[in-house]
Each structure stands twice: as structure tokens, then as C-alpha cells.
Amino acid sequence: MSQGVFDFGQSEGPLRPKKPERLILMVLLETPVSSQALEIATGIQTANRLQAKLRPLKHLHISLQHIRDDNRLREKYVFAAKCAANSVSADAFDVCFDRIVTFPGGRPDKRATVLLGGSTPLMDLQRKLGAALISNGLRGTLSFNPHITLFYSSRSVVPQQIDPLRFTVRTFSLVHSERGLTKYNILESC
């Protein structure tokens, strides 16, 4: 006869936040652009003698609208977000990211070092999506600080200009991000 085992709330696998399911609208970078961004990040790390894990190639993005975090993905919010996303259209447009900064705040051991930049059409797309989310009963924001997170570190880098990373935005996506698992599920591409 074997003795029973008690769980006591311990689980295998990565620690996930209380609300691990995130719904977000974003521009996912195409692979050649992501590769260029990671080359920039590696150069910044080397120049600043930083040890930090780079964001995964397939996860580099520009966040357009953070819709909500939940303990489980809820279909009514997914449906409303899809309706909002599909109500907005934009022609392809160019963006330019030409500055590196580390955002202040957050956890001291996990400060985001990012590329900053953008374009007027990117700002317009973000505002249109915010208005569409609001008209579909969801939270939307009309303000925006376009950035691409490269890595998290305990140390900041000196803000600086870089050779511009230029690319064309052709689509945006509604993504279910499984927080703590570094997993993106594309629910809709527009």
C-alpha cells in the first residue's frame, strides 16, 4: 500500500501571474526585422556589459492596445476584440525606430530596454483601434508610446540614438498571450 502525496499548492512548470491570459492587439515584426532588432540589442548589451536574455525572435512586436488580463480567456471579450479589430483598416505604412532607452519603474531586476520610434500612421492606427475597442464595450486607450521591447535587465542603458530600424507595417494581430509561458496565439490578423 503506497502513501498518499499532498500537493500543497506546488506545481510543476513556470510560475504564472494571477491573471495569466492576456488579450492584446499588436504588430508582430517579420523575421528579417526581428533579426535586425536583435542585432541592435546584442550590440547594446555588449557595449553596456549587460547579461540579459533577449526577447524571442517571434515575440518582438509593437503593442497597440492592451485589452485585458484574465484568469481564463473569455470568449465574449475575444468576440468583441475581433469585431473591433475587423472594423479598422489601414494601408501599409512605414515606421522608424531610432532610439534606445530603458523604461523607468517596474521591478528593479526587470527594467525594459526598448527601441523607440514610430510614425504618424502608426499613431493613427493605435487611436482608431482604441476607439473601436471602446465602441465594442472594451477598454481602449488613445495615447501611445510606440516601442519594441528588446530585453529586461537590472541595469539601465544611457538613452541614445541608433542607426534607424525601418520597416513596413502591413498587418496587425489580435493575440492571446499566455503570460509566464512566453507563448503567443494569434486569434486574428488584419
Protein backbone atom coordinates (compact mmCIF):
# COMPACT_ATOMS: atom_id res chain seq x y z
CA MET A 1 0.00 0.00 0.00
CA SER A 2 1.52 3.33 -1.01
CA GLN A 3 1.34 6.50 0.99
CA GLY A 4 -0.67 9.42 -0.49
CA VAL A 5 1.04 12.55 -1.77
CA PHE A 6 -0.24 16.02 -0.94
CA ASP A 7 0.13 18.86 -3.43
CA PHE A 8 0.07 21.86 -1.03
CA GLY A 9 -0.33 24.22 -3.99
CA GLN A 10 3.02 23.45 -5.56
CA SER A 11 3.02 22.84 -9.28
CA GLU A 12 5.45 21.89 -11.96
CA GLY A 13 6.42 24.40 -14.64
CA PRO A 14 6.88 28.16 -14.74
CA LEU A 15 5.28 30.49 -12.24
CA ARG A 16 2.40 32.35 -13.89
CA PRO A 17 0.70 35.56 -12.75
CA LYS A 18 -2.75 35.53 -11.11
CA LYS A 19 -4.29 36.69 -14.40
CA PRO A 20 -2.17 34.77 -16.92
CA GLU A 21 -4.33 35.14 -20.03
CA ARG A 22 -3.71 38.44 -21.87
CA LEU A 23 -5.65 39.75 -24.85
CA ILE A 24 -3.69 42.31 -26.86
CA LEU A 25 -3.57 43.97 -30.27
CA MET A 26 -0.06 44.20 -31.69
CA VAL A 27 2.12 44.49 -34.75
CA LEU A 28 4.26 41.35 -34.88
CA LEU A 29 7.62 42.01 -36.54
CA GLU A 30 8.51 39.98 -39.60
CA THR A 31 11.54 37.70 -39.15
CA PRO A 32 14.10 39.84 -41.05
CA VAL A 33 13.10 42.91 -39.00
CA SER A 34 13.18 40.92 -35.74
CA SER A 35 16.68 39.70 -36.63
CA GLN A 36 17.84 43.28 -37.18
CA ALA A 37 16.30 44.36 -33.86
CA LEU A 38 18.08 41.54 -32.03
CA GLU A 39 21.39 42.53 -33.64
CA ILE A 40 20.85 46.04 -32.25
CA ALA A 41 20.01 44.55 -28.84
CA THR A 42 23.16 42.40 -28.84
CA GLY A 43 25.26 45.46 -29.67
CA ILE A 44 23.68 47.41 -26.81
CA GLN A 45 24.26 44.54 -24.39
CA THR A 46 27.90 44.22 -25.44
CA ALA A 47 28.55 47.98 -25.24
CA ASN A 48 26.99 48.14 -21.77
CA ARG A 49 28.33 44.79 -20.50
CA LEU A 50 24.82 43.56 -19.74
CA GLN A 51 23.80 39.97 -19.18
CA ALA A 52 20.16 39.75 -20.20
CA LYS A 53 18.08 37.27 -22.13
CA LEU A 54 16.87 38.74 -25.42
CA ARG A 55 13.17 38.58 -26.26
CA PRO A 56 12.43 35.62 -28.55
CA LEU A 57 12.62 36.36 -32.27
CA LYS A 58 8.93 35.53 -32.85
CA HIS A 59 7.82 37.71 -29.92
CA LEU A 60 9.19 41.06 -30.98
CA HIS A 61 6.24 43.38 -31.50
CA ILE A 62 4.74 46.83 -31.12
CA SER A 63 1.88 46.78 -28.60
CA LEU A 64 -1.07 48.74 -29.95
CA GLN A 65 -3.78 48.06 -27.37
CA HIS A 66 -3.64 46.02 -24.16
CA ILE A 67 -7.23 44.83 -23.89
CA ARG A 68 -7.31 42.85 -20.65
CA ASP A 69 -5.75 40.18 -18.43
CA ASP A 70 -7.93 37.40 -17.03
CA ASN A 71 -7.61 34.15 -15.14
CA ARG A 72 -9.02 32.45 -18.26
CA LEU A 73 -9.63 33.52 -21.84
CA ARG A 74 -13.24 34.65 -22.15
CA GLU A 75 -14.99 34.23 -25.49
CA LYS A 76 -17.17 37.34 -25.12
CA TYR A 77 -14.07 39.54 -24.93
CA VAL A 78 -12.38 37.70 -27.80
CA PHE A 79 -15.51 38.20 -29.93
CA ALA A 80 -15.73 41.93 -29.09
CA ALA A 81 -11.99 42.40 -29.75
CA LYS A 82 -12.29 40.63 -33.13
CA CYS A 83 -15.22 42.88 -34.05
CA ALA A 84 -13.18 45.96 -33.10
CA ALA A 85 -10.07 44.79 -34.96
CA ASN A 86 -12.01 43.94 -38.11
CA SER A 87 -13.70 47.35 -38.12
CA VAL A 88 -10.35 49.12 -38.58
CA SER A 89 -8.37 49.07 -41.78
CA ALA A 90 -5.15 50.73 -42.78
CA ASP A 91 -2.94 50.71 -45.84
CA ALA A 92 0.64 49.51 -45.38
CA PHE A 93 2.85 52.21 -43.88
CA ASP A 94 6.47 52.73 -42.85
CA VAL A 95 7.82 53.13 -39.33
CA CYS A 96 11.23 54.09 -37.99
CA PHE A 97 12.72 53.22 -34.60
CA ASP A 98 15.90 55.19 -33.92
CA ARG A 99 16.40 55.49 -30.14
CA ILE A 100 17.27 53.12 -27.30
CA VAL A 101 16.08 53.76 -23.73
CA THR A 102 15.40 51.80 -20.58
CA PHE A 103 11.97 52.50 -19.19
CA PRO A 104 11.99 53.68 -15.57
CA GLY A 105 9.90 51.92 -12.96
CA GLY A 106 8.82 48.33 -12.87
CA ARG A 107 10.70 45.72 -10.89
CA PRO A 108 14.33 46.73 -10.23
CA ASP A 109 15.56 43.40 -11.65
CA LYS A 110 13.34 43.63 -14.72
CA ARG A 111 13.63 47.00 -16.44
CA ALA A 112 12.63 47.03 -20.11
CA THR A 113 15.20 48.24 -22.63
CA VAL A 114 13.35 49.27 -25.76
CA LEU A 115 13.61 50.77 -29.23
CA LEU A 116 11.57 53.98 -29.51
CA GLY A 117 10.15 55.49 -32.66
CA GLY A 118 7.05 55.16 -34.77
CA SER A 119 5.22 57.20 -37.40
CA THR A 120 2.04 59.23 -37.79
CA PRO A 121 0.16 56.33 -39.48
CA LEU A 122 1.13 54.04 -36.56
CA MET A 123 -0.26 56.60 -34.10
CA ASP A 124 -3.44 56.87 -36.18
CA LEU A 125 -3.88 53.07 -36.25
CA GLN A 126 -3.47 52.85 -32.48
CA ARG A 127 -6.09 55.58 -31.89
CA LYS A 128 -8.56 54.01 -34.35
CA LEU A 129 -8.18 50.65 -32.60
CA GLY A 130 -8.70 52.30 -29.19
CA ALA A 131 -11.90 53.96 -30.38
CA ALA A 132 -13.10 50.68 -31.96
CA LEU A 133 -12.46 48.77 -28.73
CA ILE A 134 -14.38 51.37 -26.72
CA SER A 135 -17.32 51.25 -29.15
CA ASN A 136 -17.37 47.45 -28.72
CA GLY A 137 -17.58 47.69 -24.92
CA LEU A 138 -13.91 47.07 -24.17
CA ARG A 139 -11.20 49.19 -22.64
CA GLY A 140 -9.16 51.11 -25.18
CA THR A 141 -6.53 53.82 -24.90
CA LEU A 142 -5.98 56.76 -27.18
CA SER A 143 -2.43 57.57 -26.01
CA PHE A 144 0.62 55.66 -27.12
CA ASN A 145 4.40 55.43 -26.73
CA PRO A 146 5.48 53.22 -29.66
CA HIS A 147 8.28 50.86 -28.63
CA ILE A 148 9.75 47.41 -29.21
CA THR A 149 10.97 45.66 -26.05
CA LEU A 150 14.37 44.05 -26.67
CA PHE A 151 15.25 42.67 -23.23
CA TYR A 152 14.79 43.09 -19.47
CA SER A 153 17.71 43.82 -17.17
CA SER A 154 18.54 45.07 -13.70
CA ARG A 155 20.64 47.86 -15.23
CA SER A 156 19.61 50.78 -17.40
CA VAL A 157 21.30 51.89 -20.58
CA VAL A 158 22.04 55.51 -21.40
CA PRO A 159 19.39 56.84 -23.81
CA GLN A 160 20.93 57.09 -27.26
CA GLN A 161 20.26 57.48 -30.95
CA ILE A 162 20.97 54.44 -33.13
CA ASP A 163 21.07 53.71 -36.84
CA PRO A 164 17.36 53.60 -37.67
CA LEU A 165 15.45 50.35 -37.87
CA ARG A 166 12.98 51.00 -40.70
CA PHE A 167 10.27 48.64 -41.86
CA THR A 168 6.80 48.49 -43.37
CA VAL A 169 3.76 47.55 -41.28
CA ARG A 170 1.33 45.51 -43.34
CA THR A 171 -0.85 43.85 -40.70
CA PHE A 172 -1.73 43.88 -37.02
CA SER A 173 -2.92 40.96 -34.92
CA LEU A 174 -5.21 40.12 -32.05
CA VAL A 175 -3.09 37.91 -29.81
CA HIS A 176 -3.78 35.72 -26.80
CA SER A 177 -0.58 35.91 -24.77
CA GLU A 178 -0.08 33.10 -22.26
CA ARG A 179 1.84 35.12 -19.69
CA GLY A 180 4.65 33.31 -17.93
CA LEU A 181 4.89 30.75 -20.75
CA THR A 182 6.22 33.12 -23.47
CA LYS A 183 3.53 31.84 -25.82
CA TYR A 184 1.53 33.87 -28.35
CA ASN A 185 -1.61 32.55 -30.02
CA ILE A 186 -2.72 34.65 -32.99
CA LEU A 187 -6.51 34.88 -32.89
CA GLU A 188 -6.98 37.28 -35.83
CA SER A 189 -4.76 39.06 -38.33
CA CYS A 190 -5.99 42.22 -40.02
